[in-house]
């Protein structure tokens, strides 16, 4: 999958590889719907710049939780 923002390619690919094979049909449908959203919106949701819509809040939370942790 290629999106408009390279960072979203990396973030979503990592999440997909780790979780899609265990998601139920409802989870997959929601993930597919989220992928239809604008890349800039997705990036702002994942980076915490803007809160995600309620429908995607848990999914975005799961995506964020899957991101590698960096040390300062």
C-alpha atoms as a PDB file:
ATOM      1  CA  UNK A   1       0.000   0.000   0.000  1.00  0.00           C
ATOM      2  CA  UNK A   2       1.236   3.491  -0.807  1.00  0.00           C
ATOM      3  CA  UNK A   3      -0.289   6.566   0.735  1.00  0.00           C
ATOM      4  CA  UNK A   4       0.452  10.238   0.232  1.00  0.00           C
ATOM      5  CA  UNK A   5       2.672  10.590   3.298  1.00  0.00           C
ATOM      6  CA  UNK A   6       5.684   8.288   3.691  1.00  0.00           C
ATOM      7  CA  UNK A   7       5.329   8.280   7.487  1.00  0.00           C
ATOM      8  CA  UNK A   8       1.793   6.941   7.180  1.00  0.00           C
ATOM      9  CA  UNK A   9       3.065   4.195   4.854  1.00  0.00           C
ATOM     10  CA  UNK A  10       5.498   3.101   7.560  1.00  0.00           C
ATOM     11  CA  UNK A  11       3.057   3.435  10.463  1.00  0.00           C
ATOM     12  CA  UNK A  12       0.171   1.649   8.761  1.00  0.00           C
ATOM     13  CA  UNK A  13       2.346  -1.080   7.252  1.00  0.00           C
ATOM     14  CA  UNK A  14       3.780  -1.889  10.681  1.00  0.00           C
ATOM     15  CA  UNK A  15       0.312  -1.999  12.239  1.00  0.00           C
ATOM     16  CA  UNK A  16      -1.168  -4.050   9.385  1.00  0.00           C
ATOM     17  CA  UNK A  17       1.588  -6.646   9.507  1.00  0.00           C
ATOM     18  CA  UNK A  18       1.151  -7.051  13.255  1.00  0.00           C
ATOM     19  CA  UNK A  19      -2.644  -7.004  13.558  1.00  0.00           C
ATOM     20  CA  UNK A  20      -4.730  -7.502  10.424  1.00  0.00           C
ATOM     21  CA  UNK A  21      -4.522 -11.281  10.458  1.00  0.00           C
ATOM     22  CA  UNK A  22      -6.183 -11.420  13.888  1.00  0.00           C
ATOM     23  CA  UNK A  23      -8.815  -8.709  13.383  1.00  0.00           C
ATOM     24  CA  UNK A  24     -12.465  -9.715  13.100  1.00  0.00           C
ATOM     25  CA  UNK A  25     -14.669  -8.614  10.191  1.00  0.00           C
ATOM     26  CA  UNK A  26     -15.879  -5.496  12.015  1.00  0.00           C
ATOM     27  CA  UNK A  27     -12.307  -4.464  12.817  1.00  0.00           C
ATOM     28  CA  UNK A  28     -11.206  -5.008   9.234  1.00  0.00           C
ATOM     29  CA  UNK A  29     -14.170  -3.015   7.939  1.00  0.00           C
ATOM     30  CA  UNK A  30     -13.355  -0.133  10.275  1.00  0.00           C
ATOM     31  CA  UNK A  31      -9.676  -0.245   9.296  1.00  0.00           C
ATOM     32  CA  UNK A  32     -10.653  -0.198   5.614  1.00  0.00           C
ATOM     33  CA  UNK A  33     -12.948   2.786   6.216  1.00  0.00           C
ATOM     34  CA  UNK A  34     -10.175   4.608   8.067  1.00  0.00           C
ATOM     35  CA  UNK A  35      -7.844   4.082   5.100  1.00  0.00           C
ATOM     36  CA  UNK A  36     -10.275   6.105   2.997  1.00  0.00           C
ATOM     37  CA  UNK A  37      -9.617   9.147   5.177  1.00  0.00           C
ATOM     38  CA  UNK A  38      -7.234  11.900   4.130  1.00  0.00           C
ATOM     39  CA  UNK A  39      -3.575  11.155   4.896  1.00  0.00           C
ATOM     40  CA  UNK A  40      -3.056  14.513   6.557  1.00  0.00           C
ATOM     41  CA  UNK A  41      -5.980  13.841   8.887  1.00  0.00           C
ATOM     42  CA  UNK A  42      -4.671  10.362   9.703  1.00  0.00           C
ATOM     43  CA  UNK A  43      -1.228  11.752  10.447  1.00  0.00           C
ATOM     44  CA  UNK A  44      -2.644  14.421  12.751  1.00  0.00           C
ATOM     45  CA  UNK A  45      -4.716  11.810  14.601  1.00  0.00           C
ATOM     46  CA  UNK A  46      -1.784   9.433  15.039  1.00  0.00           C
ATOM     47  CA  UNK A  47       0.576  12.184  16.187  1.00  0.00           C
ATOM     48  CA  UNK A  48      -1.978  13.599  18.629  1.00  0.00           C
ATOM     49  CA  UNK A  49      -2.209  16.970  16.906  1.00  0.00           C
ATOM     50  CA  UNK A  50      -5.954  16.558  16.440  1.00  0.00           C
ATOM     51  CA  UNK A  51      -8.285  14.103  18.192  1.00  0.00           C
ATOM     52  CA  UNK A  52      -9.650  11.421  15.863  1.00  0.00           C
ATOM     53  CA  UNK A  53     -13.359  11.046  15.176  1.00  0.00           C
ATOM     54  CA  UNK A  54     -15.056   8.907  17.816  1.00  0.00           C
ATOM     55  CA  UNK A  55     -15.534   6.050  15.337  1.00  0.00           C
ATOM     56  CA  UNK A  56     -11.757   5.713  14.912  1.00  0.00           C
ATOM     57  CA  UNK A  57     -10.612   6.649  18.425  1.00  0.00           C
ATOM     58  CA  UNK A  58      -9.890   3.092  19.660  1.00  0.00           C
ATOM     59  CA  UNK A  59      -8.271   2.047  16.384  1.00  0.00           C
ATOM     60  CA  UNK A  60      -6.025   5.116  16.376  1.00  0.00           C
ATOM     61  CA  UNK A  61      -5.171   4.414  20.017  1.00  0.00           C
ATOM     62  CA  UNK A  62      -4.146   0.867  19.021  1.00  0.00           C
ATOM     63  CA  UNK A  63      -2.040   2.183  16.128  1.00  0.00           C
ATOM     64  CA  UNK A  64      -0.295   4.656  18.445  1.00  0.00           C
ATOM     65  CA  UNK A  65       0.339   1.919  21.009  1.00  0.00           C
ATOM     66  CA  UNK A  66       2.020  -0.150  18.298  1.00  0.00           C
ATOM     67  CA  UNK A  67       4.505   2.595  17.399  1.00  0.00           C
ATOM     68  CA  UNK A  68       8.082   2.052  18.505  1.00  0.00           C
ATOM     69  CA  UNK A  69       8.959   3.969  21.630  1.00  0.00           C
ATOM     70  CA  UNK A  70      11.834   6.434  21.382  1.00  0.00           C
ATOM     71  CA  UNK A  71      14.039   7.542  24.210  1.00  0.00           C
ATOM     72  CA  UNK A  72      14.833  11.197  24.730  1.00  0.00           C
END
